[in-house]
Amino acid sequence: MPDTTAPEPFAALRRALSDASPPVRRLMLIGVIALSILVSGTALFAPKAAQAANHTIAIKNFAFTPDVLTLAPGDTVTFVNQETDGTVHAIRGDFTSPDLPPGASFTVTIVAAGSYNYYCSLHPYMTGIINAGTAQPSPSRSPSASPSPSPSRSPGASPSPGGSPGASPSATPTPAPGSAPCDNPVLGADQGDGTRLAAYELVGSVKVFKLCMSQTDWEVSPGVVKLAYTFNGIVPGPTIKINEGDKVRVIVQNDLPEHTAVHWHGMVLPNAQDGVPDITQPHVMPGETYTYEWTAKATGTHWYHSHMGGGQVGRGLYGALLVTPTLGDIAADKHYTIEIGDGSNGFTLNGKSYPATVPLTAAANQKVHIRLIGAGPEMIHPMHLHGAAFQVVAQDGNKLASPYTVDTLNVGVGQTYDIVFQPKEPGKWLLHCHIFSHSEGPNGMLGLVTVVNVTP
């Protein structure tokens, strides 16, 4: 049988109640009931003892230490600038700090479970991630094993040769059906500069492209892998090359974990096709498909990009959009495109940081045409060419009535320039950003650097 003997405190209370007069007994019972409600309410509503922990991330020697931190939701993280040479840092990405001179700190509380990416907006090759709760560590750090030099979706492996989208509408390109799955996107030809053409399907008189937006492990430089946002599995996205007057349909499939949209930068098109969420269209939610359709009117060098915060562009959601005029392209022996990135993927030219950037090739006295696109999302970059001056012949797709000659050109976020030059001397000539922290460090060249290999 269960033990029914009252504990000593309750026995004493029972004796006191039995000895008291009826009025006193009633008052005592009311007091006991009120006290029990108060005690039980306190037990019910009192918060648990705080279990949150405090963590410190040191900013020193142009790195975050640790650069991968796993913690629990509710924990606090303090970033402390411990540089000794006066260097200022500023955190962007999933957190936004003020400028942090040496000795300054910035504190953030991680409220919800998930993965949080951040980088220094002044030195975007400095990146880090905080994993809260059950989130798995992101592959955006350098892996312990040597990664494959190509992204996980291997768009460079056995590519299906695309057609020549710059050709006349009567050309027959390799089809890229609108129903093509995003896990195996069709890509066009390698352009010899680290970019690929976008394949398309000709449906009547309409060129139909498909852009699949997804997360991809992307190797930015040897041993450095980022969790990038990509169009068709590559950074930058495939180059859409079309002719003036072409009718274009672009089917965009969003396989990202967040909503987005695509803007056709520099295009003259119907307002409903401009690609700005809540202004010209609804958000393209995860798992949804959205179709844009317009006619190519604005000629020259343009680009397309996500229009849902610079963070998506910084992770790789951008690509070149080239419209060849009816009267013909800029005359040259070689044509290249360089898209300048500086977001959470680091300082990149066509999605790669030196020494992984693709060298450009030319012979002495050949005319070389380079399209420079400032994809950003943060900074202006003064691009400098060694060994030869160049002519600036077009800006934002518009040919200049009076081209001008320089050897360094500021390329702002959103701007495009067409430059032409003729190298005279054979050798390896640098093309790089002339902000030194964007292109070189204590161990040599890095970031926004490529080489023009000139042969005799």
Protein backbone atom coordinates (compact mmCIF):
# COMPACT_ATOMS: atom_id res chain seq x y z
CA MET A 1 0.00 0.00 0.00
CA PRO A 2 1.22 3.53 -0.65
CA ASP A 3 2.51 5.51 2.32
CA THR A 4 -0.24 7.93 3.38
CA THR A 5 1.52 9.40 6.40
CA ALA A 6 1.61 13.19 6.01
CA PRO A 7 5.06 14.78 6.07
CA GLU A 8 5.88 16.68 9.24
CA PRO A 9 5.13 20.21 7.83
CA PHE A 10 1.70 19.13 6.65
CA ALA A 11 0.94 17.34 10.00
CA ALA A 12 1.74 20.53 11.92
CA LEU A 13 -0.48 22.54 9.60
CA ARG A 14 -3.32 20.02 10.11
CA ARG A 15 -3.02 20.29 13.94
CA ALA A 16 -3.03 24.10 13.74
CA LEU A 17 -6.18 24.06 11.61
CA SER A 18 -7.96 21.66 13.96
CA ASP A 19 -7.12 23.77 17.05
CA ALA A 20 -8.23 27.08 15.49
CA SER A 21 -11.71 28.54 15.75
CA PRO A 22 -13.90 28.37 12.59
CA PRO A 23 -13.35 32.04 11.53
CA VAL A 24 -9.60 31.75 12.01
CA ARG A 25 -9.62 28.40 10.25
CA ARG A 26 -11.28 29.98 7.19
CA LEU A 27 -8.69 32.76 7.06
CA MET A 28 -5.86 30.25 7.37
CA LEU A 29 -7.29 28.13 4.53
CA ILE A 30 -7.59 31.21 2.27
CA GLY A 31 -3.97 32.10 3.05
CA VAL A 32 -2.78 28.57 2.30
CA ILE A 33 -4.63 28.54 -1.03
CA ALA A 34 -3.24 31.97 -2.02
CA LEU A 35 0.29 30.92 -1.06
CA SER A 36 0.02 27.69 -3.07
CA ILE A 37 -1.14 29.65 -6.16
CA LEU A 38 1.73 32.09 -5.78
CA VAL A 39 4.31 29.36 -5.35
CA SER A 40 3.02 27.25 -8.24
CA GLY A 41 2.75 30.32 -10.48
CA THR A 42 6.30 31.25 -9.71
CA ALA A 43 7.43 27.75 -10.58
CA LEU A 44 5.37 27.85 -13.78
CA PHE A 45 6.37 31.27 -15.11
CA ALA A 46 9.84 31.90 -13.72
CA PRO A 47 12.45 31.71 -16.49
CA LYS A 48 15.06 29.03 -16.41
CA ALA A 49 18.51 30.01 -15.33
CA ALA A 50 20.35 31.57 -18.27
CA GLN A 51 22.55 29.08 -20.10
CA ALA A 52 23.83 31.47 -22.79
CA ALA A 53 27.58 31.53 -23.35
CA ASN A 54 29.83 34.34 -24.51
CA HIS A 55 32.27 33.78 -27.37
CA THR A 56 35.05 35.94 -28.79
CA ILE A 57 36.23 36.09 -32.39
CA ALA A 58 39.58 37.83 -32.81
CA ILE A 59 40.22 39.89 -35.93
CA LYS A 60 43.97 39.76 -36.45
CA ASN A 61 46.42 39.34 -39.31
CA PHE A 62 43.55 39.84 -41.78
CA ALA A 63 41.66 36.79 -40.54
CA PHE A 64 38.81 35.87 -38.18
CA THR A 65 39.89 33.46 -35.43
CA PRO A 66 38.10 31.13 -35.17
CA ASP A 67 36.64 31.47 -38.65
CA VAL A 68 34.14 28.65 -38.01
CA LEU A 69 32.32 28.81 -34.67
CA THR A 70 29.62 26.42 -33.45
CA LEU A 71 27.39 27.58 -30.59
CA ALA A 72 23.86 27.40 -29.18
CA PRO A 73 21.00 29.78 -29.98
CA GLY A 74 21.00 32.55 -27.40
CA ASP A 75 24.80 32.73 -27.20
CA THR A 76 26.61 36.03 -27.63
CA VAL A 77 29.57 36.63 -29.95
CA THR A 78 31.97 39.56 -29.64
CA PHE A 79 34.24 40.47 -32.55
CA VAL A 80 37.40 42.26 -31.40
CA ASN A 81 39.83 44.02 -33.75
CA GLN A 82 43.28 43.02 -32.52
CA GLU A 83 45.28 44.38 -35.46
CA THR A 84 48.43 46.26 -34.47
CA ASP A 85 49.04 48.22 -37.67
CA GLY A 86 46.00 50.50 -37.58
CA THR A 87 43.89 48.41 -39.98
CA VAL A 88 40.14 49.02 -39.81
CA HIS A 89 37.63 46.22 -40.46
CA ALA A 90 33.86 46.24 -40.98
CA ILE A 91 31.65 43.16 -40.78
CA ARG A 92 28.97 42.52 -43.41
CA GLY A 93 26.85 39.60 -44.56
CA ASP A 94 24.41 38.27 -41.99
CA PHE A 95 25.76 40.88 -39.53
CA THR A 96 26.47 44.58 -40.02
CA SER A 97 28.95 46.38 -37.80
CA PRO A 98 30.28 49.93 -37.82
CA ASP A 99 33.90 50.44 -38.83
CA LEU A 100 36.10 48.74 -36.23
CA PRO A 101 39.50 50.36 -35.65
CA PRO A 102 42.08 48.45 -33.57
CA GLY A 103 40.76 47.84 -30.08
CA ALA A 104 37.11 48.25 -31.07
CA SER A 105 34.57 45.47 -30.68
CA PHE A 106 31.15 44.51 -32.00
CA THR A 107 28.74 42.18 -30.17
CA VAL A 108 25.81 40.21 -31.58
CA THR A 109 23.44 37.71 -29.97
CA ILE A 110 22.56 34.69 -32.11
CA VAL A 111 18.84 34.28 -31.46
CA ALA A 112 17.80 31.51 -33.85
CA ALA A 113 19.32 28.26 -35.07
CA GLY A 114 20.97 28.35 -38.48
CA SER A 115 24.18 29.14 -40.35
CA TYR A 116 25.37 32.75 -40.44
CA ASN A 117 27.94 33.89 -43.00
CA TYR A 118 29.92 37.08 -42.61
CA TYR A 119 32.95 38.81 -44.13
CA CYS A 120 34.94 42.04 -43.89
CA SER A 121 33.57 44.58 -46.37
CA LEU A 122 37.00 46.23 -46.59
CA HIS A 123 38.85 42.93 -47.13
CA PRO A 124 36.24 40.48 -48.49
CA TYR A 125 38.69 37.58 -48.66
CA MET A 126 38.28 37.55 -44.85
CA THR A 127 35.24 35.34 -44.27
CA GLY A 128 33.71 33.34 -41.45
CA ILE A 129 30.66 31.38 -40.42
CA ILE A 130 28.75 30.84 -37.19
CA ASN A 131 26.72 27.63 -36.87
CA ALA A 132 23.98 27.84 -34.25
CA GLY A 133 21.97 24.90 -32.93
CA THR A 134 21.81 21.88 -35.18
CA ALA A 135 23.24 23.64 -38.23
CA GLN A 136 26.01 21.70 -39.90
CA PRO A 137 29.34 23.43 -40.58
CA SER A 138 29.31 25.15 -43.94
CA PRO A 139 31.76 24.14 -46.69
CA SER A 140 32.60 27.81 -47.12
CA ARG A 141 35.88 27.22 -45.30
CA SER A 142 39.02 25.57 -46.59
CA PRO A 143 38.39 21.82 -46.35
CA SER A 144 40.86 19.49 -44.72
CA ALA A 145 41.00 17.36 -47.83
CA SER A 146 42.05 18.73 -51.16
CA PRO A 147 38.87 19.66 -53.05
CA SER A 148 38.23 19.16 -56.68
CA PRO A 149 39.26 22.15 -58.78
CA SER A 150 35.73 22.29 -60.20
CA PRO A 151 32.46 22.99 -58.35
CA SER A 152 30.51 20.10 -56.91
CA ARG A 153 28.08 20.13 -59.81
CA SER A 154 30.97 19.81 -62.22
CA PRO A 155 29.61 22.11 -64.93
CA GLY A 156 32.99 21.98 -66.62
CA ALA A 157 32.97 18.19 -67.00
CA SER A 158 32.08 17.05 -70.48
CA PRO A 159 30.09 20.16 -71.29
CA SER A 160 27.40 20.06 -73.89
CA PRO A 161 28.58 22.51 -76.51
CA GLY A 162 26.16 25.38 -76.79
CA GLY A 163 25.37 27.12 -79.97
CA SER A 164 26.67 30.51 -80.86
CA PRO A 165 24.08 32.79 -79.29
CA GLY A 166 25.63 35.73 -81.03
CA ALA A 167 24.75 34.23 -84.38
CA SER A 168 21.67 34.99 -86.42
CA PRO A 169 18.29 33.63 -85.28
CA SER A 170 18.46 31.04 -88.03
CA ALA A 171 21.38 29.31 -86.29
CA THR A 172 20.66 25.97 -84.61
CA PRO A 173 22.16 25.93 -81.09
CA THR A 174 22.36 22.94 -78.78
CA PRO A 175 18.94 22.89 -77.09
CA ALA A 176 18.57 23.96 -73.48
CA PRO A 177 14.93 22.95 -72.94
CA GLY A 178 12.96 24.92 -70.39
CA SER A 179 12.26 21.63 -68.64
CA ALA A 180 15.97 20.84 -68.11
CA PRO A 181 16.52 19.88 -64.45
CA CYS A 182 18.51 22.24 -62.25
CA ASP A 183 20.75 19.44 -60.98
CA ASN A 184 22.22 19.04 -64.47
CA PRO A 185 22.11 22.44 -66.18
CA VAL A 186 23.16 22.74 -69.81
CA LEU A 187 26.04 25.16 -70.46
CA GLY A 188 27.39 26.62 -73.65
CA ALA A 189 30.96 27.07 -74.84
CA ASP A 190 33.92 28.00 -72.65
CA GLN A 191 34.99 31.55 -73.57
CA GLY A 192 38.65 31.16 -72.59
CA ASP A 193 38.45 33.70 -69.77
CA GLY A 194 36.69 31.73 -67.02
CA THR A 195 33.17 32.38 -68.30
CA ARG A 196 30.74 30.11 -70.15
CA LEU A 197 27.99 30.96 -72.62
CA ALA A 198 24.38 30.25 -71.70
CA ALA A 199 22.84 27.65 -73.98
CA TYR A 200 19.32 28.24 -75.26
CA GLU A 201 16.49 26.66 -77.20
CA LEU A 202 14.98 28.40 -80.22
CA VAL A 203 11.18 28.20 -79.92
CA GLY A 204 9.75 29.81 -83.02
CA SER A 205 11.46 33.19 -83.05
CA VAL A 206 12.11 33.26 -79.28
CA LYS A 207 15.41 32.35 -77.64
CA VAL A 208 14.57 30.47 -74.44
CA PHE A 209 17.16 30.35 -71.66
CA LYS A 210 16.91 28.63 -68.27
CA LEU A 211 18.67 29.88 -65.15
CA CYS A 212 18.68 27.60 -62.12
CA MET A 213 19.55 29.35 -58.86
CA SER A 214 21.06 27.05 -56.23
CA GLN A 215 23.75 26.65 -53.56
CA THR A 216 26.99 25.16 -54.86
CA ASP A 217 30.37 24.34 -53.35
CA TRP A 218 32.64 26.63 -55.36
CA GLU A 219 36.45 26.57 -55.24
CA VAL A 220 37.57 30.19 -55.37
CA SER A 221 41.31 29.48 -55.17
CA PRO A 222 43.33 26.33 -54.46
CA GLY A 223 42.00 24.79 -51.26
CA VAL A 224 39.48 27.57 -50.57
CA VAL A 225 35.88 26.47 -51.08
CA LYS A 226 32.87 28.75 -50.58
CA LEU A 227 29.19 27.94 -50.26
CA ALA A 228 28.22 30.06 -53.25
CA TYR A 229 24.89 31.04 -54.77
CA THR A 230 25.02 30.19 -58.46
CA PHE A 231 23.18 30.40 -61.74
CA ASN A 232 23.46 26.98 -63.41
CA GLY A 233 26.12 25.84 -60.96
CA ILE A 234 28.84 28.37 -61.84
CA VAL A 235 30.18 31.77 -60.75
CA PRO A 236 29.64 34.03 -62.55
CA GLY A 237 26.43 32.75 -64.11
CA PRO A 238 26.52 31.83 -67.81
CA THR A 239 26.88 34.71 -70.26
CA ILE A 240 23.65 35.46 -72.07
CA LYS A 241 24.78 36.57 -75.52
CA ILE A 242 22.09 37.71 -77.94
CA ASN A 243 21.56 40.03 -80.90
CA GLU A 244 19.84 43.37 -81.08
CA GLY A 245 16.16 42.73 -81.76
CA ASP A 246 16.11 39.17 -80.39
CA LYS A 247 13.03 38.07 -78.51
CA VAL A 248 14.18 36.54 -75.24
CA ARG A 249 12.48 34.33 -72.67
CA VAL A 250 14.33 33.45 -69.45
CA ILE A 251 12.90 30.79 -67.13
CA VAL A 252 14.30 31.27 -63.61
CA GLN A 253 14.01 28.43 -61.11
CA ASN A 254 14.73 29.22 -57.47
CA ASP A 255 16.32 26.30 -55.62
CA LEU A 256 17.83 28.60 -52.99
CA PRO A 257 16.77 28.55 -49.33
CA GLU A 258 15.48 32.14 -49.66
CA HIS A 259 13.36 34.29 -51.96
CA THR A 260 14.85 36.33 -54.78
CA ALA A 261 14.35 37.80 -58.28
CA VAL A 262 16.52 38.64 -61.31
CA HIS A 263 17.13 42.14 -62.70
CA TRP A 264 18.28 42.70 -66.30
CA HIS A 265 20.71 45.55 -65.71
CA GLY A 266 20.78 48.09 -68.52
CA MET A 267 17.94 46.58 -70.52
CA VAL A 268 15.12 48.66 -71.98
CA LEU A 269 12.07 46.48 -71.36
CA PRO A 270 8.48 46.45 -70.08
CA ASN A 271 8.24 47.54 -66.45
CA ALA A 272 6.74 44.21 -65.39
CA GLN A 273 9.91 42.43 -66.58
CA ASP A 274 12.41 44.59 -64.66
CA GLY A 275 12.91 42.08 -61.84
CA VAL A 276 12.44 44.10 -58.63
CA PRO A 277 10.43 42.28 -55.92
CA ASP A 278 7.46 44.18 -54.45
CA ILE A 279 7.88 46.87 -57.12
CA THR A 280 7.42 45.16 -60.48
CA GLN A 281 6.78 41.55 -59.47
CA PRO A 282 6.22 39.21 -56.51
CA HIS A 283 9.13 37.51 -54.79
CA VAL A 284 10.28 34.27 -56.40
CA MET A 285 9.99 31.96 -53.41
CA PRO A 286 12.10 28.82 -52.82
CA GLY A 287 10.94 26.05 -55.14
CA GLU A 288 9.14 28.44 -57.49
CA THR A 289 9.75 29.19 -61.17
CA TYR A 290 9.34 32.64 -62.74
CA THR A 291 9.48 33.60 -66.42
CA TYR A 292 10.76 36.87 -67.88
CA GLU A 293 10.20 37.86 -71.50
CA TRP A 294 11.48 40.89 -73.38
CA THR A 295 13.08 42.07 -76.63
CA ALA A 296 16.77 43.03 -76.75
CA LYS A 297 16.90 46.75 -77.49
CA ALA A 298 19.83 48.14 -75.45
CA THR A 299 23.05 46.99 -77.11
CA GLY A 300 26.54 46.49 -75.71
CA THR A 301 27.95 45.15 -72.45
CA HIS A 302 25.40 44.69 -69.67
CA TRP A 303 24.76 42.18 -66.89
CA TYR A 304 22.05 40.44 -64.88
CA HIS A 305 21.91 39.88 -61.13
CA SER A 306 19.78 39.06 -58.12
CA HIS A 307 17.83 42.01 -56.75
CA MET A 308 17.40 40.77 -53.17
CA GLY A 309 20.25 42.31 -51.19
CA GLY A 310 23.92 42.60 -52.04
CA GLY A 311 24.62 39.43 -50.10
CA GLN A 312 23.15 37.27 -52.86
CA VAL A 313 25.22 39.06 -55.50
CA GLY A 314 28.31 38.76 -53.28
CA ARG A 315 27.77 35.00 -53.15
CA GLY A 316 27.71 34.74 -56.95
CA LEU A 317 24.28 35.60 -58.37
CA TYR A 318 25.39 37.62 -61.39
CA GLY A 319 26.34 37.09 -65.01
CA ALA A 320 27.15 38.97 -68.22
CA LEU A 321 24.40 40.04 -70.63
CA LEU A 322 25.86 40.92 -74.04
CA VAL A 323 23.74 42.36 -76.83
CA THR A 324 25.47 42.51 -80.23
CA PRO A 325 24.39 45.54 -82.28
CA THR A 326 22.94 44.99 -85.73
CA LEU A 327 25.92 46.88 -87.15
CA GLY A 328 28.37 44.53 -85.45
CA ASP A 329 30.46 44.19 -82.28
CA ILE A 330 33.58 46.14 -81.34
CA ALA A 331 36.30 45.13 -83.80
CA ALA A 332 39.10 43.07 -82.23
CA ASP A 333 41.14 39.89 -82.62
CA LYS A 334 40.35 38.69 -79.10
CA HIS A 335 37.22 39.24 -77.00
CA TYR A 336 37.16 38.63 -73.23
CA THR A 337 34.80 39.38 -70.33
CA ILE A 338 35.95 40.05 -66.77
CA GLU A 339 33.37 40.28 -63.98
CA ILE A 340 34.77 41.83 -60.80
CA GLY A 341 33.39 40.46 -57.50
CA ASP A 342 34.11 41.50 -53.93
CA GLY A 343 31.45 39.93 -51.68
CA SER A 344 31.52 36.93 -49.37
CA ASN A 345 33.22 34.83 -52.06
CA GLY A 346 36.21 37.14 -51.67
CA PHE A 347 37.97 39.25 -54.30
CA THR A 348 37.29 37.48 -57.58
CA LEU A 349 37.66 37.88 -61.34
CA ASN A 350 35.10 35.65 -63.05
CA GLY A 351 34.48 33.82 -59.79
CA LYS A 352 38.14 33.03 -59.04
CA SER A 353 40.88 34.59 -56.94
CA TYR A 354 44.49 34.59 -58.11
CA PRO A 355 46.26 32.22 -58.69
CA ALA A 356 43.10 30.43 -59.88
CA THR A 357 42.07 33.19 -62.31
CA VAL A 358 42.17 32.20 -66.00
CA PRO A 359 45.03 33.89 -67.93
CA LEU A 360 44.08 35.78 -71.08
CA THR A 361 46.09 35.11 -74.23
CA ALA A 362 47.10 37.30 -77.15
CA ALA A 363 49.86 37.70 -79.68
CA ALA A 364 51.91 40.85 -79.95
CA ASN A 365 50.09 43.55 -81.96
CA GLN A 366 46.75 41.76 -81.80
CA LYS A 367 43.82 43.96 -80.85
CA VAL A 368 42.34 42.77 -77.54
CA HIS A 369 38.83 43.72 -76.41
CA ILE A 370 37.94 43.27 -72.72
CA ARG A 371 34.51 43.87 -71.21
CA LEU A 372 34.87 44.95 -67.57
CA ILE A 373 31.79 44.47 -65.37
CA GLY A 374 31.64 45.77 -61.79
CA ALA A 375 29.55 43.12 -60.06
CA GLY A 376 30.49 44.27 -56.56
CA PRO A 377 28.52 44.40 -54.33
CA GLU A 378 30.71 46.67 -52.21
CA MET A 379 33.52 48.60 -53.87
CA ILE A 380 35.02 50.58 -56.72
CA HIS A 381 38.10 48.93 -58.21
CA PRO A 382 40.82 50.81 -60.15
CA MET A 383 41.79 48.23 -62.78
CA HIS A 384 45.34 48.66 -64.06
CA LEU A 385 47.05 47.00 -67.04
CA HIS A 386 50.83 46.52 -67.17
CA GLY A 387 52.82 46.90 -70.35
CA ALA A 388 50.32 48.88 -72.44
CA ALA A 389 47.79 51.65 -72.18
CA PHE A 390 44.24 50.93 -73.31
CA GLN A 391 41.40 52.84 -74.93
CA VAL A 392 38.04 53.11 -73.20
CA VAL A 393 35.62 52.77 -76.11
CA ALA A 394 32.25 52.21 -74.39
CA GLN A 395 30.59 52.69 -71.01
CA ASP A 396 27.43 50.96 -69.76
CA GLY A 397 26.89 49.54 -73.23
CA ASN A 398 27.11 52.90 -75.02
CA LYS A 399 29.94 53.49 -77.47
CA LEU A 400 31.84 56.68 -76.71
CA ALA A 401 31.97 59.37 -79.38
CA SER A 402 35.46 60.25 -78.10
CA PRO A 403 37.34 57.22 -76.73
CA TYR A 404 40.10 58.06 -74.25
CA THR A 405 43.39 56.38 -73.34
CA VAL A 406 44.44 55.42 -69.79
CA ASP A 407 46.26 52.59 -68.02
CA THR A 408 44.04 52.57 -64.88
CA LEU A 409 40.24 52.74 -64.84
CA ASN A 410 37.88 52.97 -61.87
CA VAL A 411 35.11 50.39 -62.27
CA GLY A 412 32.21 51.04 -59.91
CA VAL A 413 29.52 48.64 -58.75
CA GLY A 414 27.00 48.26 -61.57
CA GLN A 415 29.22 49.88 -64.21
CA THR A 416 30.49 48.25 -67.39
CA TYR A 417 33.34 49.40 -69.63
CA ASP A 418 34.70 48.14 -72.93
CA ILE A 419 38.46 48.59 -73.32
CA VAL A 420 40.72 47.85 -76.29
CA PHE A 421 44.52 47.59 -76.39
CA GLN A 422 47.36 46.21 -78.53
CA PRO A 423 50.21 44.65 -76.56
CA LYS A 424 53.64 45.14 -78.13
CA GLU A 425 56.04 43.22 -75.92
CA PRO A 426 55.78 39.45 -75.29
CA GLY A 427 55.58 38.27 -71.70
CA LYS A 428 53.23 37.90 -68.75
CA TRP A 429 51.54 41.25 -68.11
CA LEU A 430 49.39 41.85 -65.05
CA LEU A 431 45.82 43.11 -65.11
CA HIS A 432 44.81 43.85 -61.52
CA CYS A 433 43.03 46.11 -59.05
CA HIS A 434 45.41 48.80 -57.89
CA ILE A 435 44.09 48.85 -54.32
CA PHE A 436 46.97 46.81 -52.96
CA SER A 437 45.01 44.93 -50.29
CA HIS A 438 42.71 43.67 -53.07
CA SER A 439 45.52 42.22 -55.18
CA GLU A 440 48.60 41.40 -53.13
CA GLY A 441 49.71 40.36 -49.68
CA PRO A 442 52.81 39.39 -47.75
CA ASN A 443 53.15 36.19 -49.81
CA GLY A 444 52.63 37.75 -53.25
CA MET A 445 49.74 38.37 -55.64
CA LEU A 446 46.20 37.36 -54.67
CA GLY A 447 42.58 38.28 -55.27
CA LEU A 448 41.82 40.64 -58.16
CA VAL A 449 44.70 39.63 -60.42
CA THR A 450 44.98 37.94 -63.75
CA VAL A 451 47.69 37.72 -66.40
CA VAL A 452 47.68 38.62 -70.09
CA ASN A 453 50.06 36.13 -71.71
CA VAL A 454 51.46 37.82 -74.82
CA THR A 455 53.31 35.61 -77.29
CA PRO A 456 55.62 36.88 -80.06
